[in-house]
C-alpha atoms as a PDB file:
ATOM      1  CA  UNK A   1     -39.663  29.423  55.382  1.00  0.00           C
ATOM      2  CA  UNK A   2     -42.443  27.104  54.214  1.00  0.00           C
ATOM      3  CA  UNK A   3     -43.991  27.810  50.815  1.00  0.00           C
ATOM      4  CA  UNK A   4     -47.706  28.067  51.533  1.00  0.00           C
ATOM      5  CA  UNK A   5     -48.691  27.851  47.883  1.00  0.00           C
ATOM      6  CA  UNK A   6     -47.538  24.205  47.835  1.00  0.00           C
ATOM      7  CA  UNK A   7     -50.558  21.971  48.517  1.00  0.00           C
ATOM      8  CA  UNK A   8     -49.937  18.940  50.696  1.00  0.00           C
ATOM      9  CA  UNK A   9     -52.202  15.931  50.344  1.00  0.00           C
ATOM     10  CA  UNK A  10     -52.524  15.847  54.139  1.00  0.00           C
ATOM     11  CA  UNK A  11     -54.392  19.189  54.003  1.00  0.00           C
ATOM     12  CA  UNK A  12     -57.367  17.624  52.193  1.00  0.00           C
ATOM     13  CA  UNK A  13     -60.666  17.529  54.047  1.00  0.00           C
ATOM     14  CA  UNK A  14     -62.211  15.233  51.443  1.00  0.00           C
ATOM     15  CA  UNK A  15     -64.425  17.848  49.808  1.00  0.00           C
ATOM     16  CA  UNK A  16     -63.340  19.197  46.434  1.00  0.00           C
ATOM     17  CA  UNK A  17     -64.873  22.660  46.910  1.00  0.00           C
ATOM     18  CA  UNK A  18     -63.459  23.176  50.405  1.00  0.00           C
ATOM     19  CA  UNK A  19     -60.036  21.839  49.393  1.00  0.00           C
ATOM     20  CA  UNK A  20     -59.879  24.261  46.458  1.00  0.00           C
ATOM     21  CA  UNK A  21     -60.865  27.137  48.709  1.00  0.00           C
ATOM     22  CA  UNK A  22     -58.161  26.102  51.179  1.00  0.00           C
ATOM     23  CA  UNK A  23     -55.627  26.026  48.322  1.00  0.00           C
ATOM     24  CA  UNK A  24     -56.633  29.543  47.306  1.00  0.00           C
ATOM     25  CA  UNK A  25     -56.358  30.824  50.888  1.00  0.00           C
ATOM     26  CA  UNK A  26     -52.886  29.289  51.207  1.00  0.00           C
ATOM     27  CA  UNK A  27     -51.820  30.948  47.940  1.00  0.00           C
ATOM     28  CA  UNK A  28     -53.155  34.306  49.173  1.00  0.00           C
ATOM     29  CA  UNK A  29     -51.278  33.826  52.465  1.00  0.00           C
ATOM     30  CA  UNK A  30     -48.081  33.242  50.481  1.00  0.00           C
ATOM     31  CA  UNK A  31     -48.743  36.264  48.275  1.00  0.00           C
ATOM     32  CA  UNK A  32     -49.352  38.364  51.382  1.00  0.00           C
ATOM     33  CA  UNK A  33     -46.024  37.269  52.822  1.00  0.00           C
ATOM     34  CA  UNK A  34     -44.279  37.870  49.488  1.00  0.00           C
ATOM     35  CA  UNK A  35     -45.589  41.459  49.450  1.00  0.00           C
ATOM     36  CA  UNK A  36     -44.865  42.522  53.025  1.00  0.00           C
ATOM     37  CA  UNK A  37     -42.202  44.985  51.847  1.00  0.00           C
ATOM     38  CA  UNK A  38     -44.622  46.727  49.435  1.00  0.00           C
ATOM     39  CA  UNK A  39     -47.269  48.316  51.680  1.00  0.00           C
ATOM     40  CA  UNK A  40     -49.814  49.064  48.935  1.00  0.00           C
ATOM     41  CA  UNK A  41     -49.611  45.573  47.428  1.00  0.00           C
ATOM     42  CA  UNK A  42     -49.522  43.999  50.912  1.00  0.00           C
ATOM     43  CA  UNK A  43     -52.709  45.832  51.933  1.00  0.00           C
ATOM     44  CA  UNK A  44     -54.460  44.854  48.704  1.00  0.00           C
ATOM     45  CA  UNK A  45     -53.629  41.155  49.000  1.00  0.00           C
ATOM     46  CA  UNK A  46     -54.383  41.226  52.722  1.00  0.00           C
ATOM     47  CA  UNK A  47     -57.864  42.618  52.040  1.00  0.00           C
ATOM     48  CA  UNK A  48     -58.419  39.967  49.384  1.00  0.00           C
ATOM     49  CA  UNK A  49     -57.333  37.289  51.865  1.00  0.00           C
ATOM     50  CA  UNK A  50     -59.890  38.567  54.385  1.00  0.00           C
ATOM     51  CA  UNK A  51     -62.688  38.572  51.788  1.00  0.00           C
ATOM     52  CA  UNK A  52     -61.839  35.109  50.435  1.00  0.00           C
ATOM     53  CA  UNK A  53     -61.518  33.702  53.956  1.00  0.00           C
ATOM     54  CA  UNK A  54     -64.895  35.159  54.964  1.00  0.00           C
ATOM     55  CA  UNK A  55     -66.502  33.608  51.871  1.00  0.00           C
ATOM     56  CA  UNK A  56     -64.786  30.272  52.530  1.00  0.00           C
ATOM     57  CA  UNK A  57     -65.913  30.167  56.147  1.00  0.00           C
ATOM     58  CA  UNK A  58     -69.519  30.798  55.022  1.00  0.00           C
ATOM     59  CA  UNK A  59     -69.298  27.997  52.427  1.00  0.00           C
ATOM     60  CA  UNK A  60     -67.710  25.590  54.879  1.00  0.00           C
ATOM     61  CA  UNK A  61     -70.349  26.375  57.494  1.00  0.00           C
ATOM     62  CA  UNK A  62     -73.089  25.744  54.942  1.00  0.00           C
ATOM     63  CA  UNK A  63     -71.624  22.311  54.139  1.00  0.00           C
ATOM     64  CA  UNK A  64     -71.333  21.450  57.821  1.00  0.00           C
ATOM     65  CA  UNK A  65     -74.824  22.678  58.596  1.00  0.00           C
ATOM     66  CA  UNK A  66     -76.362  20.785  55.664  1.00  0.00           C
ATOM     67  CA  UNK A  67     -74.653  17.560  56.703  1.00  0.00           C
ATOM     68  CA  UNK A  68     -75.739  17.907  60.325  1.00  0.00           C
ATOM     69  CA  UNK A  69     -72.186  17.976  61.656  1.00  0.00           C
ATOM     70  CA  UNK A  70     -72.417  17.770  65.468  1.00  0.00           C
ATOM     71  CA  UNK A  71     -69.554  20.216  66.006  1.00  0.00           C
ATOM     72  CA  UNK A  72     -71.047  22.857  63.722  1.00  0.00           C
ATOM     73  CA  UNK A  73     -71.705  25.565  66.354  1.00  0.00           C
ATOM     74  CA  UNK A  74     -68.242  25.193  67.856  1.00  0.00           C
ATOM     75  CA  UNK A  75     -66.618  25.296  64.418  1.00  0.00           C
ATOM     76  CA  UNK A  76     -68.614  28.381  63.418  1.00  0.00           C
ATOM     77  CA  UNK A  77     -67.460  30.142  66.588  1.00  0.00           C
ATOM     78  CA  UNK A  78     -63.859  29.195  65.824  1.00  0.00           C
ATOM     79  CA  UNK A  79     -64.272  30.787  62.393  1.00  0.00           C
ATOM     80  CA  UNK A  80     -65.350  34.031  64.069  1.00  0.00           C
ATOM     81  CA  UNK A  81     -62.279  33.971  66.303  1.00  0.00           C
ATOM     82  CA  UNK A  82     -59.948  33.105  63.385  1.00  0.00           C
ATOM     83  CA  UNK A  83     -61.272  35.945  61.264  1.00  0.00           C
ATOM     84  CA  UNK A  84     -61.046  38.444  64.137  1.00  0.00           C
ATOM     85  CA  UNK A  85     -57.464  37.334  64.843  1.00  0.00           C
ATOM     86  CA  UNK A  86     -56.496  37.707  61.180  1.00  0.00           C
ATOM     87  CA  UNK A  87     -58.064  41.179  61.004  1.00  0.00           C
ATOM     88  CA  UNK A  88     -56.139  42.168  64.136  1.00  0.00           C
ATOM     89  CA  UNK A  89     -52.851  40.899  62.683  1.00  0.00           C
ATOM     90  CA  UNK A  90     -53.356  43.007  59.562  1.00  0.00           C
ATOM     91  CA  UNK A  91     -54.376  46.064  61.565  1.00  0.00           C
ATOM     92  CA  UNK A  92     -51.345  45.644  63.834  1.00  0.00           C
ATOM     93  CA  UNK A  93     -49.046  45.147  60.832  1.00  0.00           C
ATOM     94  CA  UNK A  94     -50.468  48.245  59.137  1.00  0.00           C
ATOM     95  CA  UNK A  95     -49.976  50.260  62.353  1.00  0.00           C
ATOM     96  CA  UNK A  96     -46.403  48.999  62.726  1.00  0.00           C
ATOM     97  CA  UNK A  97     -47.220  47.231  66.003  1.00  0.00           C
ATOM     98  CA  UNK A  98     -45.854  43.859  64.899  1.00  0.00           C
ATOM     99  CA  UNK A  99     -42.812  42.902  62.889  1.00  0.00           C
ATOM    100  CA  UNK A 100     -42.933  41.342  59.460  1.00  0.00           C
ATOM    101  CA  UNK A 101     -41.230  38.314  60.999  1.00  0.00           C
ATOM    102  CA  UNK A 102     -44.092  37.976  63.460  1.00  0.00           C
ATOM    103  CA  UNK A 103     -46.660  38.126  60.673  1.00  0.00           C
ATOM    104  CA  UNK A 104     -44.693  35.696  58.515  1.00  0.00           C
ATOM    105  CA  UNK A 105     -44.734  33.231  61.427  1.00  0.00           C
ATOM    106  CA  UNK A 106     -48.410  33.865  62.201  1.00  0.00           C
ATOM    107  CA  UNK A 107     -49.990  33.315  58.771  1.00  0.00           C
ATOM    108  CA  UNK A 108     -48.804  29.715  58.260  1.00  0.00           C
ATOM    109  CA  UNK A 109     -49.828  28.785  61.824  1.00  0.00           C
ATOM    110  CA  UNK A 110     -53.181  30.490  61.358  1.00  0.00           C
ATOM    111  CA  UNK A 111     -54.108  28.855  58.059  1.00  0.00           C
ATOM    112  CA  UNK A 112     -52.479  25.440  58.201  1.00  0.00           C
ATOM    113  CA  UNK A 113     -53.224  25.162  61.908  1.00  0.00           C
ATOM    114  CA  UNK A 114     -56.935  25.704  61.304  1.00  0.00           C
ATOM    115  CA  UNK A 115     -57.048  23.192  58.458  1.00  0.00           C
ATOM    116  CA  UNK A 116     -55.037  20.500  60.247  1.00  0.00           C
ATOM    117  CA  UNK A 117     -56.412  20.916  63.762  1.00  0.00           C
ATOM    118  CA  UNK A 118     -60.023  21.984  63.210  1.00  0.00           C
ATOM    119  CA  UNK A 119     -61.138  21.204  59.671  1.00  0.00           C
ATOM    120  CA  UNK A 120     -59.580  17.755  59.648  1.00  0.00           C
ATOM    121  CA  UNK A 121     -61.888  16.876  62.571  1.00  0.00           C
ATOM    122  CA  UNK A 122     -64.911  16.932  60.261  1.00  0.00           C
ATOM    123  CA  UNK A 123     -63.159  15.072  57.415  1.00  0.00           C
ATOM    124  CA  UNK A 124     -64.323  11.576  58.422  1.00  0.00           C
ATOM    125  CA  UNK A 125     -67.861  12.868  58.873  1.00  0.00           C
ATOM    126  CA  UNK A 126     -68.220  14.552  55.475  1.00  0.00           C
ATOM    127  CA  UNK A 127     -66.430  11.671  53.706  1.00  0.00           C
ATOM    128  CA  UNK A 128     -69.007   9.206  55.047  1.00  0.00           C
ATOM    129  CA  UNK A 129     -71.698  11.189  53.272  1.00  0.00           C
ATOM    130  CA  UNK A 130     -70.357  10.544  49.748  1.00  0.00           C
END
């Protein structure tokens, strides 16, 4: 299994604040996976992941809005869907509706997939503004 706490240069979106927030989210994803067997710890880290992700999405949206990014509305809507999907995964895991294997496959796809497929689309735009 991939170690999510290992930052890859290819994950960078060219903004120090957003990159650091992405690093933190990846670390929290890894900690969540590491604690699946301990329900109390898993729930605690999972809640922290949701809070940190919500804060990150707000910060990222502010950057995109301030820079006039043309895809801002679409990206904001994707954030809403990503957060709802993550909340559902945690609720399903807590209710025993999904396996730990399913969650351990979901989290890397969810986080890295969003960074590489969605966030990297605005990278050239925000880098031009420096």
